[in-house]
Protein backbone atom coordinates (compact mmCIF):
# COMPACT_ATOMS: atom_id res chain seq x y z
CA MET A 1 5.43 4.83 -1.56
CA ASP A 2 1.78 4.71 -0.79
CA CYS A 3 -0.11 7.61 -2.29
CA ALA A 4 -3.49 9.03 -1.44
CA GLU A 5 -6.10 6.54 -0.27
CA ARG A 6 -9.10 6.45 -2.57
CA VAL A 7 -12.37 5.68 -0.80
CA VAL A 8 -14.40 4.97 -3.94
CA CYS A 9 -15.18 1.27 -4.29
CA VAL A 10 -16.67 -0.13 -7.48
CA LEU A 11 -18.83 -3.14 -6.69
CA CYS A 12 -18.56 -6.23 -8.87
CA ALA A 13 -21.22 -8.83 -8.05
CA PRO A 14 -19.43 -12.15 -7.34
CA ALA A 15 -21.77 -14.06 -9.61
CA LEU A 16 -20.78 -11.73 -12.44
CA LEU A 17 -17.02 -11.98 -11.91
CA GLY A 18 -15.69 -12.92 -15.31
CA LYS A 19 -12.84 -15.21 -16.20
CA THR A 20 -9.68 -13.18 -16.70
CA HIS A 21 -6.30 -13.70 -18.31
CA ASP A 22 -3.54 -15.32 -16.29
CA PRO A 23 -2.14 -12.46 -14.17
CA ALA A 24 1.26 -10.95 -14.85
CA PHE A 25 1.65 -10.47 -11.08
CA LYS A 26 0.40 -13.09 -8.61
CA TRP A 27 0.21 -12.28 -4.91
CA LYS A 28 -0.17 -15.40 -2.77
CA PHE A 29 -1.26 -15.11 0.86
CA TYR A 30 -0.57 -17.92 3.33
CA GLY A 31 -2.39 -17.44 6.63
CA PHE A 32 -4.86 -14.92 5.21
CA SER A 33 -6.98 -14.97 8.39
CA ALA A 34 -4.05 -13.36 10.23
CA LEU A 35 -4.60 -10.28 8.08
CA LEU A 36 -8.24 -10.16 9.12
CA ASP A 37 -7.40 -10.69 12.79
CA ARG A 38 -5.49 -7.39 12.77
CA GLY A 39 -8.41 -5.37 11.40
CA ALA A 40 -9.44 -3.59 8.23
CA VAL A 41 -6.09 -2.02 7.34
CA SER A 42 -5.11 -2.41 3.67
CA ALA A 43 -1.98 -4.31 2.63
CA ASN A 44 0.37 -3.33 -0.20
CA SER A 45 2.45 -5.74 -2.25
CA ALA A 46 6.09 -5.39 -3.16
CA ILE A 47 6.83 -3.56 -6.39
CA PHE A 48 6.72 -5.41 -9.70
CA ARG A 49 7.78 -4.17 -13.12
CA CYS A 50 5.63 -3.98 -16.24
CA CYS A 51 5.91 -1.91 -19.43
CA GLY A 52 8.78 0.14 -18.03
CA TYR A 53 7.03 1.20 -14.80
CA GLY A 54 6.95 0.02 -11.20
CA TRP A 55 3.55 -1.06 -9.84
CA PHE A 56 2.08 -2.53 -6.68
CA LEU A 57 -1.20 -4.15 -5.76
CA GLN A 58 -3.31 -3.31 -2.72
CA VAL A 59 -5.84 -5.57 -1.00
CA SER A 60 -8.44 -4.06 1.34
CA PRO A 61 -9.87 -6.99 3.33
CA MET A 62 -12.92 -5.21 4.76
CA GLN A 63 -13.80 -2.52 2.24
CA LYS A 64 -17.33 -1.10 2.40
CA LYS A 65 -18.88 0.41 -0.68
CA THR A 66 -20.50 3.80 -0.08
CA GLY A 67 -24.04 3.23 1.15
CA HIS A 68 -23.46 -0.47 1.83
CA LYS A 69 -22.75 -2.18 5.17
CA ILE A 70 -21.37 -5.47 3.83
CA PRO A 71 -17.53 -5.65 3.87
CA HIS A 72 -15.88 -6.84 0.67
CA ILE A 73 -12.47 -7.96 -0.47
CA ALA A 74 -11.31 -5.11 -2.71
CA LEU A 75 -8.28 -4.70 -4.97
CA SER A 76 -6.65 -1.63 -6.47
CA LEU A 77 -3.57 -1.00 -8.60
CA SER A 78 -0.96 1.71 -7.99
CA VAL A 79 1.92 2.98 -10.06
CA TYR A 80 5.05 3.64 -8.03
CA GLN A 81 5.31 7.42 -7.88
CA ASN A 82 9.03 7.54 -8.69
CA SER A 83 8.23 5.85 -12.01
CA LEU A 84 6.28 8.87 -13.28
CA LYS A 85 7.50 12.16 -14.68
CA ALA A 86 5.81 15.27 -13.33
CA ASP A 87 3.62 16.00 -16.37
CA ASP A 88 2.92 12.44 -17.51
CA ILE A 89 -0.54 10.89 -17.60
CA LEU A 90 -0.33 7.11 -17.73
CA SER A 91 -3.60 5.60 -18.98
CA ALA A 92 -3.97 1.88 -18.33
CA VAL A 93 -6.53 -0.88 -18.80
CA PHE A 94 -6.03 -3.83 -16.46
CA GLU A 95 -7.65 -6.85 -14.83
CA LEU A 96 -7.85 -7.38 -11.06
CA SER A 97 -8.59 -10.96 -10.11
CA MET A 98 -8.69 -13.81 -7.58
CA TYR A 99 -7.72 -17.42 -8.14
CA ASN A 100 -10.53 -19.99 -8.18
CA HIS A 101 -8.93 -23.15 -6.79
CA SER A 102 -11.84 -25.35 -7.90
CA LYS A 103 -11.70 -24.26 -11.53
CA GLY A 104 -7.97 -23.55 -11.74
CA THR A 105 -8.64 -20.14 -13.31
CA TYR A 106 -8.65 -16.47 -12.33
CA HIS A 107 -11.87 -14.45 -12.03
CA GLY A 108 -12.34 -10.74 -11.53
CA CYS A 109 -13.00 -7.38 -13.16
CA LYS A 110 -11.56 -5.25 -15.92
CA ALA A 111 -10.83 -1.66 -14.91
CA SER A 112 -9.11 1.44 -16.25
CA TYR A 113 -7.50 4.50 -14.72
CA HIS A 114 -5.54 7.61 -15.67
CA PHE A 115 -2.50 7.72 -13.38
CA ASP A 116 -0.45 10.85 -12.72
CA ILE A 117 2.00 12.03 -10.07
CA LYS A 118 -0.79 13.07 -7.68
CA ASN A 119 -3.18 10.23 -8.50
CA THR A 120 -1.19 7.04 -8.35
CA ARG A 121 -3.88 4.64 -7.08
CA SER A 122 -6.84 3.35 -9.05
CA GLU A 123 -10.34 3.05 -7.68
CA LYS A 124 -10.92 0.01 -5.51
CA GLN A 125 -12.77 -2.90 -7.09
CA CYS A 126 -14.92 -4.82 -4.60
CA LEU A 127 -14.64 -8.39 -5.85
CA ILE A 128 -16.37 -10.59 -3.28
CA PRO A 129 -18.10 -10.16 0.11
CA LEU A 130 -15.75 -11.09 2.94
CA GLU A 131 -18.29 -13.48 4.45
CA GLU A 132 -18.63 -15.29 1.13
CA LEU A 133 -14.85 -15.60 0.81
CA LEU A 134 -14.55 -17.13 4.28
CA LYS A 135 -17.23 -19.72 3.47
CA SER A 136 -15.87 -20.46 0.02
CA SER A 137 -13.81 -23.47 -0.98
CA ASP A 138 -13.22 -21.85 -4.36
CA PHE A 139 -11.18 -18.77 -3.46
CA LEU A 140 -9.89 -19.64 0.06
CA VAL A 141 -8.22 -23.03 0.61
CA ASP A 142 -6.24 -23.93 3.73
CA ASP A 143 -6.33 -20.26 4.76
CA SER A 144 -4.60 -19.31 1.51
CA CYS A 145 -5.75 -17.19 -1.41
CA VAL A 146 -4.20 -15.62 -4.49
CA PHE A 147 -4.77 -12.18 -5.99
CA GLY A 148 -3.60 -11.05 -9.39
CA VAL A 149 -3.30 -8.20 -11.84
CA ARG A 150 -2.58 -8.03 -15.53
CA ILE A 151 -2.07 -4.79 -17.45
CA LEU A 152 -3.72 -5.12 -20.85
CA LYS A 153 -3.07 -1.71 -22.40
CA ALA A 154 -1.05 1.34 -21.43
CA HIS A 155 -0.35 4.72 -22.97
CA VAL A 156 1.66 7.72 -21.75
CA SER A 157 0.58 11.22 -22.72
CA SER A 158 4.13 12.26 -23.68
CA GLN A 159 4.46 9.42 -26.21
CA ASN A 160 2.82 9.14 -29.62
CA LYS A 161 2.14 5.41 -29.52
CA PRO A 162 0.90 2.85 -26.98
CA ILE A 163 3.38 1.13 -24.69
CA VAL A 164 4.37 -2.32 -25.87
CA ILE A 165 3.55 -4.83 -23.13
CA GLN A 166 5.95 -7.72 -23.54
CA LYS A 167 4.90 -11.27 -22.82
CA LYS A 168 6.97 -12.81 -20.05
CA PRO A 169 6.50 -15.29 -17.17
CA SER A 170 4.34 -14.17 -14.28
CA THR A 171 5.95 -12.52 -11.27
CA VAL A 172 4.94 -14.34 -8.08
CA GLN A 173 5.19 -12.96 -4.55
CA ASN A 174 4.44 -15.18 -1.56
CA ILE A 175 3.26 -13.66 1.72
CA PHE A 176 3.52 -15.69 4.94
CA LEU A 177 1.56 -14.06 7.77
CA GLN A 178 2.04 -14.76 11.48
CA LYS A 179 -0.69 -15.09 14.10
CA LYS A 180 1.64 -14.64 17.08
CA GLY A 181 5.25 -13.98 17.99
CA PHE A 182 5.27 -10.49 16.49
CA ILE A 183 8.44 -8.42 16.74
CA LYS A 184 7.62 -4.82 17.60
CA GLY A 185 9.39 -1.54 18.10
CA THR A 186 8.42 2.06 18.89
CA TYR A 187 10.25 5.31 18.27
CA THR A 188 9.33 8.90 19.14
CA TRP A 189 10.95 11.71 17.17
CA THR A 190 10.82 15.20 18.69
CA MET A 191 11.50 18.17 16.41
CA ASN A 192 12.24 21.47 18.12
CA ASN A 193 12.26 23.83 15.12
CA PHE A 194 9.30 22.58 13.12
CA PRO A 195 8.07 25.83 11.48
CA ASP A 196 11.52 26.40 9.95
CA ILE A 197 12.50 22.93 8.80
CA VAL A 198 12.88 21.83 5.19
CA PRO A 199 12.60 18.14 4.21
CA VAL A 200 14.30 16.31 7.04
CA ARG A 201 15.44 12.82 7.97
CA SER A 202 15.09 11.38 11.46
CA PRO A 203 17.94 9.77 13.37
CA ALA A 204 18.22 6.03 12.73
CA PHE A 205 16.30 3.89 15.23
CA GLU A 206 15.99 0.18 15.87
CA ALA A 207 12.76 -1.81 15.68
CA GLY A 208 12.27 -5.50 15.05
CA GLY A 209 15.98 -6.18 14.82
CA HIS A 210 16.48 -3.67 11.99
CA LYS A 211 17.41 -0.02 11.76
CA TRP A 212 14.98 2.45 10.20
CA TYR A 213 14.60 6.17 9.56
CA ILE A 214 11.75 8.49 8.61
CA ASN A 215 11.72 11.11 5.88
CA MET A 216 9.42 14.07 6.50
CA TYR A 217 8.38 16.71 3.97
CA PRO A 218 6.70 19.41 6.08
CA LEU A 219 5.12 21.11 3.06
CA GLY A 220 4.61 17.88 1.13
CA ASP A 221 6.49 16.25 -1.71
CA GLN A 222 5.72 16.20 -5.44
CA CYS A 223 2.98 13.60 -4.91
CA SER A 224 1.07 15.48 -2.21
CA THR A 225 -1.62 18.14 -2.21
CA ASN A 226 -1.43 20.68 0.65
CA SER A 227 -0.33 17.96 3.06
CA LEU A 228 2.67 16.85 5.06
CA SER A 229 4.38 13.74 3.64
CA LEU A 230 5.90 10.91 5.71
CA TYR A 231 7.85 7.81 4.65
CA LEU A 232 9.55 5.01 6.56
CA HIS A 233 12.83 3.68 5.16
CA LEU A 234 14.88 0.62 5.99
CA HIS A 235 18.33 1.85 7.02
CA ASP A 236 20.10 -1.51 6.70
CA LEU A 237 18.60 -2.49 3.35
CA ASN A 238 21.73 -4.40 2.35
CA LYS A 239 21.10 -6.93 5.15
CA ILE A 240 17.96 -8.29 3.46
CA PRO A 241 18.50 -11.09 0.91
CA LEU A 242 17.60 -10.06 -2.64
CA GLU A 243 14.43 -12.13 -3.10
CA THR A 244 12.99 -11.90 0.42
CA GLY A 245 11.29 -9.23 2.49
CA MET A 246 9.40 -8.39 5.67
CA VAL A 247 5.68 -7.68 5.95
CA ILE A 248 5.39 -4.62 8.18
CA GLU A 249 2.41 -3.08 9.91
CA LEU A 250 3.35 0.58 10.25
CA THR A 251 1.54 3.14 12.39
CA LEU A 252 2.71 6.75 12.25
CA SER A 253 1.22 9.32 14.62
CA ILE A 254 1.54 13.08 14.94
CA LEU A 255 1.09 13.54 18.68
CA ASP A 256 -1.36 16.00 20.19
CA GLN A 257 0.84 17.38 22.95
CA LYS A 258 -1.98 18.51 25.26
CA HIS A 259 -5.14 16.49 24.67
CA ASP A 260 -3.89 13.05 23.54
CA ARG A 261 -6.02 13.29 20.39
CA HIS A 262 -3.28 12.00 18.13
CA TYR A 263 -3.45 11.92 14.33
CA THR A 264 -2.73 8.32 13.32
CA VAL A 265 -2.47 6.41 10.04
CA THR A 266 -1.75 2.67 9.68
CA GLY A 267 -0.72 0.60 6.67
CA ARG A 268 0.84 -2.75 5.78
CA PHE A 269 3.81 -2.90 3.45
CA VAL A 270 6.43 -5.29 2.13
CA PHE A 271 9.92 -4.01 2.85
CA GLY A 272 12.64 -5.51 0.70
CA VAL A 273 15.36 -4.52 -1.72
CA ALA A 274 12.78 -3.14 -4.19
CA ALA A 275 11.49 -0.63 -1.61
CA LYS A 276 14.55 1.61 -1.83
CA ASN A 277 12.48 4.76 -1.48
CA GLY A 278 10.50 3.53 1.49
CA TRP A 279 6.76 3.32 2.13
CA GLY A 280 4.38 5.83 3.61
CA TRP A 281 1.91 8.57 2.78
CA PRO A 282 2.39 11.70 0.65
CA ASN A 283 -0.89 13.09 2.02
CA PHE A 284 -0.36 12.04 5.62
CA ILE A 285 -2.08 15.01 7.27
CA PRO A 286 -3.56 18.16 5.68
CA LEU A 287 -1.47 21.23 6.47
CA LYS A 288 -4.61 23.02 7.62
CA THR A 289 -5.21 20.32 10.23
CA LEU A 290 -1.57 20.19 11.26
CA MET A 291 -1.34 23.94 11.82
CA ASP A 292 -4.69 24.27 13.63
CA PRO A 293 -3.80 25.80 17.03
CA PHE A 294 -6.63 23.89 18.73
CA SER A 295 -5.15 20.53 17.70
CA CYS A 296 -1.85 21.04 19.58
CA TYR A 297 0.12 19.04 17.02
CA ILE A 298 2.60 21.91 17.06
CA VAL A 299 3.29 23.65 20.37
CA GLY A 300 5.67 26.56 20.06
CA ALA A 301 8.17 25.14 17.62
CA ASN A 302 7.84 21.55 18.83
CA CYS A 303 6.32 18.66 16.88
CA MET A 304 6.36 15.02 17.98
CA LEU A 305 6.07 11.98 15.71
CA LYS A 306 5.64 8.42 16.92
CA ALA A 307 6.39 5.33 14.82
CA ASP A 308 5.12 1.85 15.73
CA VAL A 309 6.69 -0.89 13.60
CA THR A 310 5.47 -4.50 13.82
CA ILE A 311 6.79 -7.37 11.72
CA ILE A 312 3.70 -9.46 10.93
CA GLY A 313 5.16 -11.82 8.35
CA SER A 314 7.68 -12.49 5.63
CA SER A 315 7.72 -12.61 1.85
CA ASN A 316 9.66 -14.18 -0.97
CA ASP A 317 9.55 -14.32 -4.73
CA GLY A 318 8.05 -17.53 -6.09
């Protein structure tokens, strides 16, 4: 599940990017320009396991540091929210990196973050200007690039000693992005008793040759703060082979029923067997915004949600 988006971006000058350890998780993109062609939306990796927790990596292909106009390639690390107990604080030191094809080594930044149930994503690290990446023969070769992360240290507040990080072979995930031939689907879910509903699941709907459903938490889930939470789930999860997945561009919209000023959020996710709890946003829309009578997101007791699902690629474990 994708938790709150953090807009802070820490800038690391490319010339100062240091050599890092070999990543424990390597995320290989084939057809990286296809990601750029579809805009600045961030992409999230599949979940990988380390030190007893589930994690995922996020790449923001056009991140702008506050006060700067130059877009950068930025990385951040998230802990999967279902891995954390409610009162735990997971402190981690980690390296975010990119593969230098010319040198055969990884280069990036060391970072640290205190993760908890409401703060599951680290600050974004701006590694290299996008323009420099596109001109580079070091980090982008044949429209392919590799991102990585290695967790160096970790400690949980409820434990008296640091977590032991075992040495094991790197986990590799390959992403194959399409430039055309996208499979799309749209679904509109109308709720007629919105002010009274508890957490609710939509009817199953078909998009891209698969069946899906949406979980809505009108008052938010344990990971949210005064916001409605929304998650897309794959209904026919057992039809996906164990080591493969689909790269999905997901757009969820709460519809303004009078003015067409819809509230929309878009993200890119890898749906596979590991994503049993779906992907989405715990802080999708602030409750104050949702309930504002001038917004017309709720009219009477009616609320309308639209889901646009586009398959933009595939993935497999390397």
